C-alpha atoms as a PDB file:
ATOM      1  CA  MET A   1      30.182  11.482  -1.747  1.00  0.00           C
ATOM      2  CA  SER A   2      27.026  10.750   0.452  1.00  0.00           C
ATOM      3  CA  ASP A   3      25.883   7.176   1.290  1.00  0.00           C
ATOM      4  CA  GLN A   4      22.316   8.801   0.924  1.00  0.00           C
ATOM      5  CA  PRO A   5      20.570   7.461  -2.222  1.00  0.00           C
ATOM      6  CA  VAL A   6      19.418  10.075  -4.625  1.00  0.00           C
ATOM      7  CA  GLY A   7      15.761  11.002  -4.159  1.00  0.00           C
ATOM      8  CA  LEU A   8      13.070  10.160  -6.687  1.00  0.00           C
ATOM      9  CA  PRO A   9       9.906  12.018  -7.352  1.00  0.00           C
ATOM     10  CA  THR A  10       6.390  10.515  -6.377  1.00  0.00           C
ATOM     11  CA  SER A  11       5.526   9.948  -9.662  1.00  0.00           C
ATOM     12  CA  HIS A  12       8.313   7.672 -10.498  1.00  0.00           C
ATOM     13  CA  SER A  13       6.754   4.949  -7.982  1.00  0.00           C
ATOM     14  CA  ARG A  14       3.198   5.289  -9.242  1.00  0.00           C
ATOM     15  CA  VAL A  15       1.598   2.002 -10.726  1.00  0.00           C
ATOM     16  CA  THR A  16      -1.867   1.151 -11.784  1.00  0.00           C
ATOM     17  CA  LEU A  17      -3.211  -2.424 -12.396  1.00  0.00           C
ATOM     18  CA  SER A  18      -6.500  -3.435 -13.474  1.00  0.00           C
ATOM     19  CA  ARG A  19      -8.463  -6.572 -13.561  1.00  0.00           C
ATOM     20  CA  ILE A  20     -12.197  -7.926 -14.174  1.00  0.00           C
ATOM     21  CA  MET A  21     -13.493  -9.640 -11.171  1.00  0.00           C
ATOM     22  CA  THR A  22     -14.676 -13.130 -11.946  1.00  0.00           C
ATOM     23  CA  ALA A  23     -16.984 -15.884 -10.449  1.00  0.00           C
ATOM     24  CA  VAL A  24     -13.764 -17.535  -8.866  1.00  0.00           C
ATOM     25  CA  ASP A  25     -13.192 -14.340  -6.771  1.00  0.00           C
ATOM     26  CA  VAL A  26     -16.607 -14.401  -4.987  1.00  0.00           C
ATOM     27  CA  ASN A  27     -17.317 -15.161  -1.310  1.00  0.00           C
ATOM     28  CA  LEU A  28     -20.510 -16.858   0.118  1.00  0.00           C
ATOM     29  CA  TYR A  29     -22.450 -13.539   0.027  1.00  0.00           C
ATOM     30  CA  GLY A  30     -21.871 -13.323  -4.075  1.00  0.00           C
ATOM     31  CA  THR A  31     -19.225 -10.400  -3.479  1.00  0.00           C
ATOM     32  CA  VAL A  32     -15.656 -10.371  -4.271  1.00  0.00           C
ATOM     33  CA  HIS A  33     -13.901 -11.776  -1.352  1.00  0.00           C
ATOM     34  CA  GLY A  34     -11.862  -9.451   0.734  1.00  0.00           C
ATOM     35  CA  GLY A  35      -8.848 -11.572   0.705  1.00  0.00           C
ATOM     36  CA  VAL A  36      -9.070 -11.564  -3.360  1.00  0.00           C
ATOM     37  CA  LEU A  37      -8.921  -7.504  -3.039  1.00  0.00           C
ATOM     38  CA  MET A  38      -6.201  -7.644  -0.483  1.00  0.00           C
ATOM     39  CA  LYS A  39      -3.984  -9.620  -2.557  1.00  0.00           C
ATOM     40  CA  PHE A  40      -4.534  -7.171  -5.492  1.00  0.00           C
ATOM     41  CA  VAL A  41      -3.750  -4.358  -3.074  1.00  0.00           C
ATOM     42  CA  ASP A  42      -0.405  -5.969  -2.011  1.00  0.00           C
ATOM     43  CA  ASP A  43       0.367  -6.806  -5.798  1.00  0.00           C
ATOM     44  CA  VAL A  44       0.037  -3.315  -6.686  1.00  0.00           C
ATOM     45  CA  ALA A  45       1.696  -1.726  -3.873  1.00  0.00           C
ATOM     46  CA  GLY A  46       4.696  -4.362  -4.260  1.00  0.00           C
ATOM     47  CA  ALA A  47       5.175  -3.068  -7.846  1.00  0.00           C
ATOM     48  CA  ALA A  48       5.323   0.635  -6.444  1.00  0.00           C
ATOM     49  CA  ALA A  49       7.708  -0.540  -3.743  1.00  0.00           C
ATOM     50  CA  ALA A  50      10.012  -2.307  -6.319  1.00  0.00           C
ATOM     51  CA  ARG A  51       9.876   0.405  -8.869  1.00  0.00           C
ATOM     52  CA  HIS A  52      10.866   3.183  -6.061  1.00  0.00           C
ATOM     53  CA  SER A  53      13.387   1.006  -4.454  1.00  0.00           C
ATOM     54  CA  GLY A  54      15.159  -0.218  -7.740  1.00  0.00           C
ATOM     55  CA  GLY A  55      14.714  -3.869  -6.725  1.00  0.00           C
ATOM     56  CA  THR A  56      13.019  -6.203  -4.535  1.00  0.00           C
ATOM     57  CA  ALA A  57      10.840  -5.024  -1.869  1.00  0.00           C
ATOM     58  CA  VAL A  58       8.647  -7.114   0.795  1.00  0.00           C
ATOM     59  CA  THR A  59       5.611  -6.434   2.521  1.00  0.00           C
ATOM     60  CA  ALA A  60       6.532  -5.687   6.296  1.00  0.00           C
ATOM     61  CA  ALA A  61       3.295  -4.415   7.494  1.00  0.00           C
ATOM     62  CA  ILE A  62      -0.203  -3.364   6.348  1.00  0.00           C
ATOM     63  CA  ASP A  63      -1.131  -0.446   8.405  1.00  0.00           C
ATOM     64  CA  GLU A  64      -4.788  -0.107   7.515  1.00  0.00           C
ATOM     65  CA  ILE A  65      -7.173  -1.550   4.690  1.00  0.00           C
ATOM     66  CA  VAL A  66     -10.814  -0.246   4.419  1.00  0.00           C
ATOM     67  CA  PHE A  67     -13.325  -1.636   2.219  1.00  0.00           C
ATOM     68  CA  ALA A  68     -15.743   1.179   1.424  1.00  0.00           C
ATOM     69  CA  GLU A  69     -17.981  -0.665  -1.206  1.00  0.00           C
ATOM     70  CA  PRO A  70     -18.630  -4.130  -2.278  1.00  0.00           C
ATOM     71  CA  VAL A  71     -17.005  -5.305  -5.502  1.00  0.00           C
ATOM     72  CA  ARG A  72     -19.227  -7.721  -7.663  1.00  0.00           C
ATOM     73  CA  VAL A  73     -18.657 -10.022 -10.405  1.00  0.00           C
ATOM     74  CA  GLY A  74     -17.733  -8.359 -13.728  1.00  0.00           C
ATOM     75  CA  ASP A  75     -16.572  -5.047 -12.257  1.00  0.00           C
ATOM     76  CA  LEU A  76     -13.390  -3.645 -13.508  1.00  0.00           C
ATOM     77  CA  VAL A  77     -11.277  -2.717 -10.789  1.00  0.00           C
ATOM     78  CA  HIS A  78      -8.357  -0.426 -10.915  1.00  0.00           C
ATOM     79  CA  ALA A  79      -5.565  -0.318  -8.427  1.00  0.00           C
ATOM     80  CA  TYR A  80      -3.504   2.719  -8.078  1.00  0.00           C
ATOM     81  CA  ALA A  81      -0.378   2.927  -5.817  1.00  0.00           C
ATOM     82  CA  GLN A  82       2.398   5.052  -5.059  1.00  0.00           C
ATOM     83  CA  VAL A  83       4.991   5.510  -2.381  1.00  0.00           C
ATOM     84  CA  ASN A  84       4.027   8.270   0.090  1.00  0.00           C
ATOM     85  CA  TRP A  85       6.966   8.313   2.656  1.00  0.00           C
ATOM     86  CA  THR A  86      10.299   6.645   2.981  1.00  0.00           C
ATOM     87  CA  GLY A  87      12.739   5.795   5.757  1.00  0.00           C
ATOM     88  CA  SER A  88      16.236   4.399   5.289  1.00  0.00           C
ATOM     89  CA  THR A  89      15.034   1.090   4.147  1.00  0.00           C
ATOM     90  CA  SER A  90      11.296   1.032   4.475  1.00  0.00           C
ATOM     91  CA  MET A  91       8.407   3.061   2.657  1.00  0.00           C
ATOM     92  CA  GLU A  92       4.849   3.492   3.053  1.00  0.00           C
ATOM     93  CA  VAL A  93       2.761   2.710  -0.142  1.00  0.00           C
ATOM     94  CA  GLY A  94      -0.596   4.182  -0.585  1.00  0.00           C
ATOM     95  CA  VAL A  95      -3.276   2.135  -2.458  1.00  0.00           C
ATOM     96  CA  ARG A  96      -6.831   3.009  -3.850  1.00  0.00           C
ATOM     97  CA  LEU A  97      -8.967   0.686  -5.616  1.00  0.00           C
ATOM     98  CA  SER A  98     -11.648   1.853  -7.706  1.00  0.00           C
ATOM     99  CA  ALA A  99     -14.473  -0.316  -9.625  1.00  0.00           C
ATOM    100  CA  GLU A 100     -16.256   0.381 -12.838  1.00  0.00           C
ATOM    101  CA  ARG A 101     -19.497  -1.385 -12.386  1.00  0.00           C
ATOM    102  CA  TRP A 102     -20.257  -4.038 -15.210  1.00  0.00           C
ATOM    103  CA  ASP A 103     -24.063  -3.009 -15.291  1.00  0.00           C
ATOM    104  CA  THR A 104     -23.554   0.722 -15.486  1.00  0.00           C
ATOM    105  CA  ALA A 105     -21.462   0.869 -18.514  1.00  0.00           C
ATOM    106  CA  GLY A 106     -19.889   4.607 -18.967  1.00  0.00           C
ATOM    107  CA  GLY A 107     -20.477   5.304 -15.180  1.00  0.00           C
ATOM    108  CA  GLU A 108     -18.004   6.889 -12.828  1.00  0.00           C
ATOM    109  CA  PRO A 109     -15.702   4.604 -11.020  1.00  0.00           C
ATOM    110  CA  ILE A 110     -16.299   4.415  -7.419  1.00  0.00           C
ATOM    111  CA  THR A 111     -13.664   4.033  -4.672  1.00  0.00           C
ATOM    112  CA  VAL A 112     -14.116   0.664  -3.205  1.00  0.00           C
ATOM    113  CA  ALA A 113     -11.142   0.437  -0.884  1.00  0.00           C
ATOM    114  CA  THR A 114      -8.026   2.135   0.482  1.00  0.00           C
ATOM    115  CA  ALA A 115      -5.002   0.921   2.047  1.00  0.00           C
ATOM    116  CA  TYR A 116      -1.347   1.754   3.439  1.00  0.00           C
ATOM    117  CA  LEU A 117       1.381  -0.838   3.319  1.00  0.00           C
ATOM    118  CA  VAL A 118       5.158  -0.809   4.650  1.00  0.00           C
ATOM    119  CA  PHE A 119       7.426  -2.212   2.453  1.00  0.00           C
ATOM    120  CA  VAL A 120      11.326  -2.833   2.945  1.00  0.00           C
ATOM    121  CA  GLY A 121      13.818  -3.015   0.069  1.00  0.00           C
ATOM    122  CA  VAL A 122      16.018  -6.130   0.154  1.00  0.00           C
ATOM    123  CA  ASP A 123      19.134  -7.404  -1.154  1.00  0.00           C
ATOM    124  CA  VAL A 124      19.754 -10.574  -2.856  1.00  0.00           C
ATOM    125  CA  SER A 125      20.473 -12.316   0.774  1.00  0.00           C
ATOM    126  CA  GLY A 126      16.993 -10.919   2.085  1.00  0.00           C
ATOM    127  CA  HIS A 127      18.758  -8.186   4.089  1.00  0.00           C
ATOM    128  CA  PRO A 128      17.297  -4.594   4.338  1.00  0.00           C
ATOM    129  CA  ARG A 129      18.992  -2.149   1.725  1.00  0.00           C
ATOM    130  CA  PRO A 130      18.946   1.586   1.440  1.00  0.00           C
ATOM    131  CA  THR A 131      15.875   2.984  -0.197  1.00  0.00           C
ATOM    132  CA  PRO A 132      16.114   6.281  -2.110  1.00  0.00           C
ATOM    133  CA  PRO A 133      14.205   9.120  -0.515  1.00  0.00           C
ATOM    134  CA  VAL A 134      10.761  10.066  -1.984  1.00  0.00           C
ATOM    135  CA  LEU A 135      10.467  13.681  -3.196  1.00  0.00           C
ATOM    136  CA  PRO A 136       6.653  14.842  -3.051  1.00  0.00           C
ATOM    137  CA  GLU A 137       5.813  16.610  -6.115  1.00  0.00           C
ATOM    138  CA  SER A 138       2.250  18.184  -5.233  1.00  0.00           C
ATOM    139  CA  PRO A 139       0.484  19.506  -2.390  1.00  0.00           C
ATOM    140  CA  ASP A 140      -1.497  16.110  -2.245  1.00  0.00           C
ATOM    141  CA  ASP A 141       1.806  14.254  -2.325  1.00  0.00           C
ATOM    142  CA  GLU A 142       2.974  16.429   0.646  1.00  0.00           C
ATOM    143  CA  ARG A 143      -0.307  15.828   2.570  1.00  0.00           C
ATOM    144  CA  ARG A 144       0.306  12.144   2.076  1.00  0.00           C
ATOM    145  CA  PHE A 145       4.004  12.310   3.069  1.00  0.00           C
ATOM    146  CA  ARG A 146       2.763  14.190   6.288  1.00  0.00           C
ATOM    147  CA  GLU A 147       0.029  11.555   7.098  1.00  0.00           C
ATOM    148  CA  ALA A 148       2.446   8.722   6.590  1.00  0.00           C
ATOM    149  CA  ILE A 149       4.643  10.100   9.195  1.00  0.00           C
ATOM    150  CA  ILE A 150       1.813  10.103  11.646  1.00  0.00           C
ATOM    151  CA  ARG A 151       0.811   6.530  10.774  1.00  0.00           C
ATOM    152  CA  ARG A 152       4.485   5.388  11.479  1.00  0.00           C
ATOM    153  CA  GLU A 153       4.659   7.233  14.547  1.00  0.00           C
ATOM    154  CA  HIS A 154       1.500   5.729  15.758  1.00  0.00           C
ATOM    155  CA  ARG A 155       2.637   2.178  14.572  1.00  0.00           C
ATOM    156  CA  LEU A 156       5.885   2.555  16.532  1.00  0.00           C
ATOM    157  CA  ALA A 157       4.049   3.859  19.702  1.00  0.00           C
ATOM    158  CA  ARG A 158       1.560   0.990  19.483  1.00  0.00           C
ATOM    159  CA  ARG A 159       4.222  -1.553  19.214  1.00  0.00           C
ATOM    160  CA  LYS A 160       6.144  -0.162  22.212  1.00  0.00           C
ATOM    161  CA  ALA A 161       3.004   0.095  24.409  1.00  0.00           C
ATOM    162  CA  ILE A 162       2.473  -3.475  23.785  1.00  0.00           C
ATOM    163  CA  GLN A 163       6.035  -4.348  24.321  1.00  0.00           C
ATOM    164  CA  ASP A 164       5.849  -2.445  27.696  1.00  0.00           C
ATOM    165  CA  ALA A 165       2.538  -4.153  28.587  1.00  0.00           C
ATOM    166  CA  ARG A 166       3.907  -7.621  27.994  1.00  0.00           C
ATOM    167  CA  ALA A 167       6.848  -6.657  30.258  1.00  0.00           C
ATOM    168  CA  ILE A 168       4.454  -6.049  33.253  1.00  0.00           C
ATOM    169  CA  PRO A 169       4.221  -9.437  35.423  1.00  0.00           C
ATOM    170  CA  ALA A 170       0.813 -10.964  35.921  1.00  0.00           C
ATOM    171  CA  GLU A 171      -0.584 -10.690  39.266  1.00  0.00           C
END
């Protein structure tokens, strides 16, 4: 019998969270603070990672977060997350935030942010544990899987380049 966990389809990890933004969420400009949205992104990504890995998963890195449109008080924001790629203990989770504007009832939701986070499944002692492979189910899932590999390669190359640069003695 193999030590490799049984794979799980992409749909197994999908999570949606929604919340209405309130006055306590705003910054000095009167729009929702980026940190509030970042926490919302981390919350939904963590739920997707935990669902996929079958237990606790912790944030290891945020590869990218893009704020495409401001979010305002009263907007209903939906956070969608899914596991895009898995390694032996880590996984990339993609997140999209969309907003329904409070002042245009019935209008189409608009994408307000996207993000890619890396999570690691951990055991009760906090040590990394095996993560089941993700099995892409659609052409979009396969594209996300391929793009996640590119982001991982860039992340590892950047880390190595920085470590190499630190190893060069100052003149």
